[in-house]
Amino acid sequence: MNTLLSDSAPTPAGGNSLGQTLTIRGGRPLVGRVDVKGAKNLATKAMVASLLGETASILRDVPEISDVHVVRSLLEVHGVEVTELEDGVLKLDPSGAVSANFEEIDAHAGASRIPILFCGPLLHLLHQAFIPDLGGCRIGDRPIDFHLDALRSFGAIVEKQPSGIRLSAPNGLHGANIELPYPSVGATEQVLLTAVRAKGTTELRNAAIEPEIMDLIAVLQKMGAIISYEPNRVIFIEGVESLRGYDHRSIFDRNEAASWACAALATDGDIFVAGAKQQEMLTFLNVFRKVGGDFDIAEDGIRFRRGGALKPVTVETDVHPGFMTDWQQPLIVALTQAEGESIVHETVYENRLGFTRALVQMGADIVVHPEGIANSDRRVPRRALEQAAVINGPTPLHAADVVVPDLRGGYSYVIAALAAEGESTVRNIGIIRRGYEKFLEKLTALGADFDVTD
């Protein structure tokens, strides 16, 4: 029987639940239903966008995760009134927005990298902004140079200080012609949030086009922005004098949906993911089917399960519409049970395969090639930072004592422990709450056997 501490409320940054530990008794399939709410990668950005409006905004399907808590705290520090109207519905009123001091911002930012996206809206609103040293998952180099170069293009003055970065725009911001060196999601969001109220037109080339980006564009259009995009990764933004609040329902979290799908594969389970939609998951569903998974598309969600013995695949992570980097970690757990050799080429972050060391400790046969693997079948152009994992299976997984390294890796450790025989210990699980709402409650609903301790 589970000993379950409620995780329905997000844990503040720096809170002691980061050290919580799961004791998992594995070897049983996950079966049942989970509900996914709005995407972490949209909800938090839409909350920041509320700063641009002259009236209050309403955001629906907001997940109860710690990243949302961090953004809410940062908004409140800046004088935005945030009210929870009902479960998953936030009202954000920026009418009292003010500047915040370093200590307040730093205390509330915690491990989140969201503060960088406050810059554009705050420069429009207050003509100044401050970014503390940024945290986030330790999965490789995530430079903010793309962000700072874009902000300079708009006319912002950037001053690097020992405690962080101070930005100012005494003469306001103007439109710019920007080409990103890489279609970075964060940098694309930065340009959108800054350009909508900059004077003149902004042309952004090599932009990210993830579904969450398109949903953010929909939010900004509701606010009065004029944004158009072309199929060749070019986005045009015509700056406007003012914006109003929005009423928007967030796109579902396709990262969480894919994670539960991989859990069904790894544990030989049967999971209905309510809220998942086919269109945004086409690329994932193709790989899921190639691996040997089966799925049923319903109006209100997708049912995931095995369709027989798991088969090896070769996967290359890439920006949308490619296979997301956030999908590969839980997939690798399932691939340890596939019959033959699978290869996962990680082309987005250079350190994202470090989590496989714990899987090897649990009995997996995984070899990481730190400089990647070149072959003639590659679709995604090679990058200097890429790595590759070669997974040979099937290999029985056994219990181990592991420590969560990052958000997706941590989720993968939990699923590996649930698939393994014996009693595993997974430490530092609070990180998982950054992106998985009511994680422990969902595990319980799926029949997982575990205890949690502080």
Protein backbone atom coordinates (compact mmCIF):
# COMPACT_ATOMS: atom_id res chain seq x y z
CA MET A 1 0.00 0.00 0.00
CA ASN A 2 1.31 3.45 -0.89
CA THR A 3 2.29 6.04 1.64
CA LEU A 4 1.45 9.14 -0.35
CA LEU A 5 2.25 12.70 0.61
CA SER A 6 0.04 15.02 -1.42
CA ASP A 7 1.84 16.68 -4.31
CA SER A 8 -1.19 18.51 -5.64
CA ALA A 9 0.37 21.86 -4.82
CA PRO A 10 3.62 22.96 -6.41
CA THR A 11 6.70 23.26 -4.26
CA PRO A 12 8.29 26.70 -4.03
CA ALA A 13 11.75 27.06 -5.47
CA GLY A 14 14.24 26.09 -2.83
CA GLY A 15 11.63 24.16 -0.86
CA ASN A 16 12.70 21.04 1.02
CA SER A 17 10.65 18.61 -1.07
CA LEU A 18 13.48 18.50 -3.60
CA GLY A 19 15.04 15.99 -1.26
CA GLN A 20 12.02 13.70 -1.15
CA THR A 21 12.70 10.05 -1.87
CA LEU A 22 10.60 7.36 -3.51
CA THR A 23 10.90 3.73 -2.51
CA ILE A 24 9.50 1.84 -5.50
CA ARG A 25 8.55 -1.82 -5.69
CA GLY A 26 8.68 -2.56 -9.38
CA GLY A 27 7.78 -5.33 -11.76
CA ARG A 28 4.14 -4.48 -12.28
CA PRO A 29 2.47 -2.74 -15.25
CA LEU A 30 1.03 0.77 -15.05
CA VAL A 31 -2.64 0.59 -15.95
CA GLY A 32 -5.32 3.27 -15.83
CA ARG A 33 -5.99 6.88 -16.77
CA VAL A 34 -4.06 10.12 -16.30
CA ASP A 35 -5.15 13.63 -17.23
CA VAL A 36 -2.74 16.15 -18.71
CA LYS A 37 -3.36 19.88 -18.46
CA GLY A 38 -1.69 22.76 -20.22
CA ALA A 39 1.89 22.57 -21.44
CA LYS A 40 4.59 23.80 -19.10
CA ASN A 41 6.26 25.37 -22.13
CA LEU A 42 3.18 27.44 -22.94
CA ALA A 43 1.52 28.20 -19.62
CA THR A 44 4.59 29.81 -18.08
CA LYS A 45 5.22 31.96 -21.19
CA ALA A 46 1.58 33.01 -21.45
CA MET A 47 1.76 34.11 -17.82
CA VAL A 48 4.73 36.33 -18.69
CA ALA A 49 2.81 37.70 -21.69
CA SER A 50 0.14 39.01 -19.32
CA LEU A 51 2.61 41.79 -18.40
CA LEU A 52 2.10 43.24 -21.89
CA GLY A 53 -1.63 43.81 -21.49
CA GLU A 54 -3.37 46.90 -20.16
CA THR A 55 -6.20 44.78 -18.78
CA ALA A 56 -6.32 41.49 -16.90
CA SER A 57 -5.78 38.13 -18.61
CA ILE A 58 -7.32 34.73 -17.90
CA LEU A 59 -5.32 31.57 -18.54
CA ARG A 60 -7.05 28.18 -18.41
CA ASP A 61 -5.75 24.62 -17.93
CA VAL A 62 -2.76 25.87 -15.97
CA PRO A 63 -0.86 22.88 -14.53
CA GLU A 64 -0.01 22.69 -10.83
CA ILE A 65 3.76 22.46 -11.24
CA SER A 66 6.64 24.24 -9.56
CA ASP A 67 7.64 26.19 -12.70
CA VAL A 68 4.19 27.80 -12.69
CA HIS A 69 4.63 28.60 -9.01
CA VAL A 70 7.97 30.30 -9.78
CA VAL A 71 6.47 32.45 -12.55
CA ARG A 72 3.52 33.36 -10.36
CA SER A 73 5.90 34.45 -7.60
CA LEU A 74 7.96 36.52 -10.02
CA LEU A 75 4.84 38.19 -11.41
CA GLU A 76 3.64 39.01 -7.89
CA VAL A 77 7.07 40.42 -7.01
CA HIS A 78 6.60 42.75 -9.97
CA GLY A 79 3.19 43.86 -8.73
CA VAL A 80 0.96 41.64 -10.88
CA GLU A 81 -2.11 40.42 -9.01
CA VAL A 82 -2.56 36.69 -9.60
CA THR A 83 -5.85 35.10 -8.57
CA GLU A 84 -6.89 31.46 -8.90
CA LEU A 85 -10.51 31.66 -10.05
CA GLU A 86 -10.95 27.87 -9.99
CA ASP A 87 -8.82 24.78 -10.43
CA GLY A 88 -6.40 25.44 -13.27
CA VAL A 89 -7.71 28.94 -14.07
CA LEU A 90 -5.63 32.02 -13.27
CA LYS A 91 -6.51 35.69 -13.54
CA LEU A 92 -3.44 37.89 -14.06
CA ASP A 93 -3.87 41.63 -13.54
CA PRO A 94 -0.77 43.71 -14.46
CA SER A 95 -2.26 47.11 -13.63
CA GLY A 96 -0.07 47.49 -10.54
CA ALA A 97 3.17 46.31 -12.12
CA VAL A 98 6.33 47.80 -10.59
CA SER A 99 10.05 47.23 -10.66
CA ALA A 100 11.47 44.60 -8.32
CA ASN A 101 14.87 44.55 -6.62
CA PHE A 102 17.57 41.95 -7.12
CA GLU A 103 17.00 40.15 -3.83
CA GLU A 104 13.30 39.58 -4.57
CA ILE A 105 13.87 38.34 -8.10
CA ASP A 106 16.75 36.08 -7.10
CA ALA A 107 14.82 34.60 -4.15
CA HIS A 108 11.83 33.67 -6.28
CA ALA A 109 13.61 32.60 -9.47
CA GLY A 110 15.14 29.51 -7.87
CA ALA A 111 16.20 26.95 -10.49
CA SER A 112 13.98 28.39 -13.22
CA ARG A 113 15.26 30.00 -16.41
CA ILE A 114 11.99 31.87 -16.96
CA PRO A 115 13.27 35.30 -15.73
CA ILE A 116 15.06 35.88 -19.04
CA LEU A 117 11.65 36.07 -20.76
CA PHE A 118 10.50 38.89 -18.48
CA CYS A 119 12.99 41.23 -20.16
CA GLY A 120 11.00 42.38 -23.19
CA PRO A 121 7.71 42.98 -21.37
CA LEU A 122 9.47 44.75 -18.49
CA LEU A 123 11.51 46.93 -20.83
CA HIS A 124 8.26 48.07 -22.48
CA LEU A 125 6.50 48.55 -19.17
CA LEU A 126 9.25 49.93 -16.92
CA HIS A 127 12.17 50.59 -19.32
CA GLN A 128 14.38 48.34 -17.20
CA ALA A 129 14.80 44.69 -16.23
CA PHE A 130 17.15 42.51 -14.19
CA ILE A 131 18.11 38.86 -14.66
CA PRO A 132 19.81 36.93 -11.84
CA ASP A 133 22.09 33.98 -12.50
CA LEU A 134 19.87 31.43 -14.23
CA GLY A 135 19.27 27.83 -13.19
CA GLY A 136 17.35 25.05 -14.89
CA CYS A 137 18.14 21.41 -15.54
CA ARG A 138 21.82 20.53 -15.94
CA ILE A 139 21.49 18.96 -19.36
CA GLY A 140 24.11 20.93 -21.22
CA ASP A 141 25.01 24.39 -22.39
CA ARG A 142 21.91 26.56 -22.58
CA PRO A 143 23.42 29.96 -23.36
CA ILE A 144 21.38 33.13 -23.10
CA ASP A 145 23.50 34.83 -25.75
CA PHE A 146 20.71 34.35 -28.32
CA HIS A 147 18.37 36.23 -25.97
CA LEU A 148 20.79 39.06 -25.22
CA ASP A 149 21.78 39.53 -28.86
CA ALA A 150 18.10 39.75 -29.82
CA LEU A 151 17.38 42.29 -27.07
CA ARG A 152 20.35 44.39 -28.21
CA SER A 153 18.90 44.32 -31.74
CA PHE A 154 15.72 45.89 -30.35
CA GLY A 155 17.79 48.69 -28.79
CA ALA A 156 18.19 47.40 -25.25
CA ILE A 157 21.32 48.29 -23.29
CA VAL A 158 22.78 45.17 -21.64
CA GLU A 159 25.09 45.47 -18.63
CA LYS A 160 26.64 42.34 -17.15
CA GLN A 161 27.14 42.58 -13.38
CA PRO A 162 28.48 40.12 -10.79
CA SER A 163 24.97 39.33 -9.55
CA GLY A 164 23.32 39.07 -12.96
CA ILE A 165 22.43 41.18 -15.99
CA ARG A 166 20.77 44.58 -15.96
CA LEU A 167 18.93 45.81 -19.04
CA SER A 168 17.52 49.22 -19.86
CA ALA A 169 15.72 50.88 -22.76
CA PRO A 170 15.51 54.62 -21.97
CA ASN A 171 14.45 55.42 -25.54
CA GLY A 172 12.10 52.48 -25.96
CA LEU A 173 12.50 49.48 -28.26
CA HIS A 174 12.29 49.34 -32.05
CA GLY A 175 11.70 46.59 -34.59
CA ALA A 176 14.64 44.57 -35.83
CA ASN A 177 15.79 42.05 -38.42
CA ILE A 178 16.98 38.99 -36.52
CA GLU A 179 18.26 35.62 -37.68
CA LEU A 180 18.80 33.02 -34.99
CA PRO A 181 21.90 30.82 -35.31
CA TYR A 182 19.67 27.91 -34.22
CA PRO A 183 15.85 27.70 -34.05
CA SER A 184 15.85 28.12 -30.28
CA VAL A 185 12.44 27.95 -28.61
CA GLY A 186 13.44 30.33 -25.82
CA ALA A 187 14.99 32.90 -28.14
CA THR A 188 11.94 32.78 -30.43
CA GLU A 189 9.71 33.42 -27.40
CA GLN A 190 11.97 36.29 -26.40
CA VAL A 191 11.62 37.94 -29.81
CA LEU A 192 7.83 37.49 -29.86
CA LEU A 193 7.36 38.92 -26.36
CA THR A 194 9.59 41.88 -27.21
CA ALA A 195 8.60 42.65 -30.80
CA VAL A 196 4.83 42.92 -30.31
CA ARG A 197 5.15 46.37 -28.73
CA ALA A 198 8.38 47.53 -30.37
CA LYS A 199 8.10 50.42 -32.83
CA GLY A 200 8.07 49.16 -36.40
CA THR A 201 8.24 45.68 -37.91
CA THR A 202 10.39 42.77 -36.79
CA GLU A 203 11.45 39.96 -39.11
CA LEU A 204 12.62 36.81 -37.32
CA ARG A 205 14.38 34.18 -39.43
CA ASN A 206 15.24 30.61 -38.42
CA ALA A 207 12.53 30.74 -35.78
CA ALA A 208 11.30 27.82 -33.72
CA ILE A 209 7.83 26.64 -34.81
CA GLU A 210 6.89 24.24 -32.01
CA PRO A 211 3.14 23.92 -31.25
CA GLU A 212 3.74 25.85 -28.01
CA ILE A 213 5.21 28.72 -30.06
CA MET A 214 2.14 28.74 -32.28
CA ASP A 215 -0.05 28.77 -29.16
CA LEU A 216 1.92 31.72 -27.76
CA ILE A 217 1.36 33.54 -31.07
CA ALA A 218 -2.37 32.83 -30.66
CA VAL A 219 -2.24 34.34 -27.14
CA LEU A 220 -0.50 37.46 -28.40
CA GLN A 221 -2.92 37.83 -31.33
CA LYS A 222 -5.82 37.72 -28.86
CA MET A 223 -4.09 40.59 -27.06
CA GLY A 224 -4.04 42.69 -30.24
CA ALA A 225 -0.66 41.74 -31.74
CA ILE A 226 -0.15 41.46 -35.51
CA ILE A 227 1.94 38.36 -36.23
CA SER A 228 2.28 36.29 -39.38
CA TYR A 229 4.55 33.40 -40.21
CA GLU A 230 5.79 31.59 -43.30
CA PRO A 231 6.61 27.88 -43.69
CA ASN A 232 10.35 28.62 -43.99
CA ARG A 233 10.73 29.54 -40.29
CA VAL A 234 10.20 33.27 -40.86
CA ILE A 235 7.93 35.23 -38.49
CA PHE A 236 6.86 38.85 -39.05
CA ILE A 237 5.69 40.98 -36.10
CA GLU A 238 4.22 44.45 -36.59
CA GLY A 239 4.60 46.40 -33.38
CA VAL A 240 1.48 47.97 -31.88
CA GLU A 241 0.97 50.83 -29.42
CA SER A 242 -0.85 48.81 -26.81
CA LEU A 243 -2.20 45.35 -25.98
CA ARG A 244 -5.11 44.14 -23.89
CA GLY A 245 -5.56 41.06 -21.75
CA TYR A 246 -6.44 37.63 -23.15
CA ASP A 247 -8.69 34.68 -22.32
CA HIS A 248 -6.95 31.51 -23.42
CA ARG A 249 -6.91 27.77 -22.81
CA SER A 250 -3.40 26.37 -22.92
CA ILE A 251 -2.38 23.70 -25.41
CA PHE A 252 -1.97 20.29 -23.75
CA ASP A 253 1.43 19.15 -22.50
CA ARG A 254 2.70 16.83 -25.22
CA ASN A 255 5.89 16.16 -23.26
CA GLU A 256 3.93 14.73 -20.36
CA ALA A 257 1.67 12.77 -22.72
CA ALA A 258 4.69 11.18 -24.42
CA SER A 259 6.23 10.37 -21.05
CA TRP A 260 3.18 8.35 -19.95
CA ALA A 261 3.11 6.65 -23.34
CA CYS A 262 6.71 5.52 -22.82
CA ALA A 263 5.80 4.36 -19.31
CA ALA A 264 3.16 2.09 -20.84
CA LEU A 265 5.81 0.61 -23.15
CA ALA A 266 8.44 0.17 -20.45
CA THR A 267 6.14 -1.50 -17.90
CA ASP A 268 3.98 -3.41 -20.42
CA GLY A 269 1.07 -1.30 -19.21
CA ASP A 270 -2.05 0.27 -20.65
CA ILE A 271 -2.48 4.01 -20.07
CA PHE A 272 -5.18 6.37 -21.33
CA VAL A 273 -3.79 9.91 -21.48
CA ALA A 274 -6.78 12.22 -21.31
CA GLY A 275 -6.23 15.55 -23.05
CA ALA A 276 -3.60 14.26 -25.49
CA LYS A 277 -4.23 15.07 -29.16
CA GLN A 278 -2.98 13.38 -32.28
CA GLN A 279 -1.94 16.33 -34.41
CA GLU A 280 0.67 17.72 -32.02
CA MET A 281 2.11 14.21 -31.44
CA LEU A 282 2.34 12.89 -35.01
CA THR A 283 6.12 12.50 -34.94
CA PHE A 284 6.08 10.78 -31.56
CA LEU A 285 3.23 8.46 -32.55
CA ASN A 286 5.14 7.30 -35.63
CA VAL A 287 8.15 6.30 -33.50
CA PHE A 288 5.87 4.77 -30.86
CA ARG A 289 4.33 2.53 -33.53
CA LYS A 290 7.73 1.58 -35.00
CA VAL A 291 8.91 0.48 -31.54
CA GLY A 292 5.94 -1.87 -31.29
CA GLY A 293 3.52 0.28 -29.37
CA ASP A 294 -0.18 0.45 -30.14
CA PHE A 295 -2.50 3.39 -29.60
CA ASP A 296 -6.14 4.35 -30.01
CA ILE A 297 -7.10 7.94 -30.78
CA ALA A 298 -10.23 9.13 -29.00
CA GLU A 299 -11.93 12.51 -28.95
CA ASP A 300 -10.75 13.16 -25.39
CA GLY A 301 -7.34 11.50 -25.39
CA ILE A 302 -5.06 8.69 -26.55
CA ARG A 303 -4.73 5.14 -25.17
CA PHE A 304 -1.16 3.76 -25.18
CA ARG A 305 -0.02 0.14 -24.78
CA ARG A 306 2.28 -2.46 -26.28
CA GLY A 307 1.22 -4.10 -29.51
CA GLY A 308 3.58 -7.05 -29.11
CA ALA A 309 7.33 -7.50 -28.64
CA LEU A 310 9.23 -4.21 -28.69
CA LYS A 311 11.45 -3.56 -31.71
CA PRO A 312 14.65 -1.51 -32.02
CA VAL A 313 14.60 1.90 -33.67
CA THR A 314 16.98 4.69 -34.62
CA VAL A 315 15.90 8.14 -33.50
CA GLU A 316 17.39 11.58 -34.06
CA THR A 317 16.22 14.39 -31.80
CA ASP A 318 15.55 17.69 -33.51
CA VAL A 319 13.53 20.88 -33.34
CA HIS A 320 9.87 20.67 -34.38
CA PRO A 321 8.62 18.94 -36.46
CA GLY A 322 11.36 16.49 -35.51
CA PHE A 323 11.50 14.13 -32.54
CA MET A 324 11.69 16.24 -29.39
CA THR A 325 14.70 15.99 -27.12
CA ASP A 326 12.30 15.80 -24.15
CA TRP A 327 10.88 12.56 -25.56
CA GLN A 328 14.09 10.58 -25.87
CA GLN A 329 14.83 9.99 -22.17
CA PRO A 330 11.66 8.06 -21.27
CA LEU A 331 11.82 6.34 -24.67
CA ILE A 332 15.31 5.01 -23.90
CA VAL A 333 13.91 3.27 -20.82
CA ALA A 334 11.42 1.44 -23.06
CA LEU A 335 14.15 0.65 -25.62
CA THR A 336 16.05 -1.34 -22.99
CA GLN A 337 13.25 -3.89 -23.46
CA ALA A 338 13.36 -3.92 -27.28
CA GLU A 339 14.82 -6.91 -29.10
CA GLY A 340 18.00 -5.69 -30.80
CA GLU A 341 20.11 -2.56 -31.14
CA SER A 342 18.55 0.90 -30.95
CA ILE A 343 20.37 4.17 -31.49
CA VAL A 344 19.32 7.57 -30.15
CA HIS A 345 21.15 10.56 -31.63
CA GLU A 346 20.81 13.54 -29.27
CA THR A 347 21.43 16.68 -31.35
CA VAL A 348 19.87 19.39 -29.17
CA TYR A 349 21.70 19.24 -25.79
CA GLU A 350 25.18 17.85 -25.32
CA ASN A 351 24.79 16.35 -21.84
CA ARG A 352 21.32 14.89 -22.01
CA LEU A 353 22.47 11.27 -22.18
CA GLY A 354 24.26 11.37 -18.84
CA PHE A 355 21.14 9.96 -17.19
CA THR A 356 21.80 6.58 -18.86
CA ARG A 357 24.52 5.78 -16.30
CA ALA A 358 21.83 4.99 -13.74
CA LEU A 359 20.02 2.76 -16.25
CA VAL A 360 23.25 0.82 -16.76
CA GLN A 361 23.44 0.49 -12.98
CA MET A 362 19.97 -1.10 -13.18
CA GLY A 363 21.10 -3.65 -15.76
CA ALA A 364 20.64 -1.86 -19.09
CA ASP A 365 23.16 -2.32 -21.90
CA ILE A 366 23.75 1.26 -23.05
CA VAL A 367 26.90 2.78 -24.51
CA VAL A 368 27.11 6.56 -24.94
CA HIS A 369 29.26 7.95 -27.75
CA PRO A 370 30.23 11.43 -26.51
CA GLU A 371 30.95 12.76 -30.01
CA GLY A 372 27.97 11.13 -31.68
CA ILE A 373 27.87 8.60 -34.49
CA ALA A 374 28.12 9.49 -38.17
CA ASN A 375 26.35 7.37 -40.74
CA SER A 376 24.83 7.79 -44.19
CA ASP A 377 21.26 7.39 -42.96
CA ARG A 378 21.22 10.56 -40.87
CA ARG A 379 18.40 13.01 -41.59
CA VAL A 380 19.30 15.69 -39.04
CA PRO A 381 22.55 17.56 -39.83
CA ARG A 382 25.31 16.69 -37.38
CA ARG A 383 26.13 19.21 -34.66
CA ALA A 384 29.42 19.58 -32.82
CA LEU A 385 27.73 19.07 -29.44
CA GLU A 386 25.74 15.94 -30.26
CA GLN A 387 25.98 12.57 -28.52
CA ALA A 388 24.54 9.15 -29.30
CA ALA A 389 23.33 6.26 -27.15
CA VAL A 390 23.41 2.66 -28.40
CA ILE A 391 20.92 0.49 -26.51
CA ASN A 392 21.04 -3.29 -26.78
CA GLY A 393 18.11 -5.27 -25.47
CA PRO A 394 16.13 -6.73 -24.08
CA THR A 395 17.86 -6.58 -20.70
CA PRO A 396 16.00 -7.24 -17.43
CA LEU A 397 16.15 -4.21 -15.15
CA HIS A 398 16.84 -4.68 -11.46
CA ALA A 399 16.48 -2.44 -8.43
CA ALA A 400 19.01 0.30 -7.65
CA ASP A 401 19.53 3.46 -5.58
CA VAL A 402 19.58 6.48 -7.92
CA VAL A 403 19.48 10.28 -7.67
CA VAL A 404 17.34 12.39 -10.02
CA PRO A 405 19.60 14.54 -12.25
CA ASP A 406 17.01 16.62 -14.15
CA LEU A 407 13.32 16.80 -15.01
CA ARG A 408 12.97 14.26 -17.85
CA GLY A 409 15.82 12.07 -16.60
CA GLY A 410 14.17 11.96 -13.19
CA TYR A 411 10.87 10.83 -14.65
CA SER A 412 12.75 8.18 -16.61
CA TYR A 413 14.40 6.87 -13.43
CA VAL A 414 11.00 6.45 -11.80
CA ILE A 415 9.65 4.54 -14.80
CA ALA A 416 12.77 2.37 -14.93
CA ALA A 417 12.33 1.56 -11.25
CA LEU A 418 8.67 0.67 -11.85
CA ALA A 419 9.72 -1.66 -14.69
CA ALA A 420 12.53 -3.24 -12.65
CA GLU A 421 12.30 -6.24 -10.34
CA GLY A 422 12.87 -5.48 -6.67
CA GLU A 423 12.79 -2.37 -4.50
CA SER A 424 14.49 0.76 -5.86
CA THR A 425 15.21 4.09 -4.20
CA VAL A 426 14.85 7.26 -6.27
CA ARG A 427 16.09 10.40 -4.51
CA ASN A 428 15.64 14.13 -5.18
CA ILE A 429 12.23 13.66 -6.80
CA GLY A 430 11.14 17.26 -6.24
CA ILE A 431 12.75 18.19 -9.56
CA ILE A 432 10.09 16.10 -11.31
CA ARG A 433 7.40 18.50 -10.06
CA ARG A 434 8.83 21.16 -12.36
CA GLY A 435 6.96 19.59 -15.26
CA TYR A 436 4.63 16.83 -14.03
CA GLU A 437 1.43 17.85 -12.30
CA LYS A 438 0.28 15.68 -9.36
CA PHE A 439 2.95 13.17 -10.27
CA LEU A 440 2.62 10.92 -7.23
CA GLU A 441 -1.17 10.95 -7.37
CA LYS A 442 -1.04 9.85 -11.00
CA LEU A 443 1.37 7.04 -10.18
CA THR A 444 -1.04 5.85 -7.51
CA ALA A 445 -3.96 5.96 -9.95
CA LEU A 446 -1.95 3.77 -12.34
CA GLY A 447 -1.30 1.14 -9.68
CA ALA A 448 2.32 1.92 -8.85
CA ASP A 449 3.58 0.49 -5.57
CA PHE A 450 5.75 3.03 -3.72
CA ASP A 451 6.36 5.00 -0.54
CA VAL A 452 7.58 8.59 -0.34
CA THR A 453 9.64 10.10 2.47
CA ASP A 454 11.23 13.48 3.12
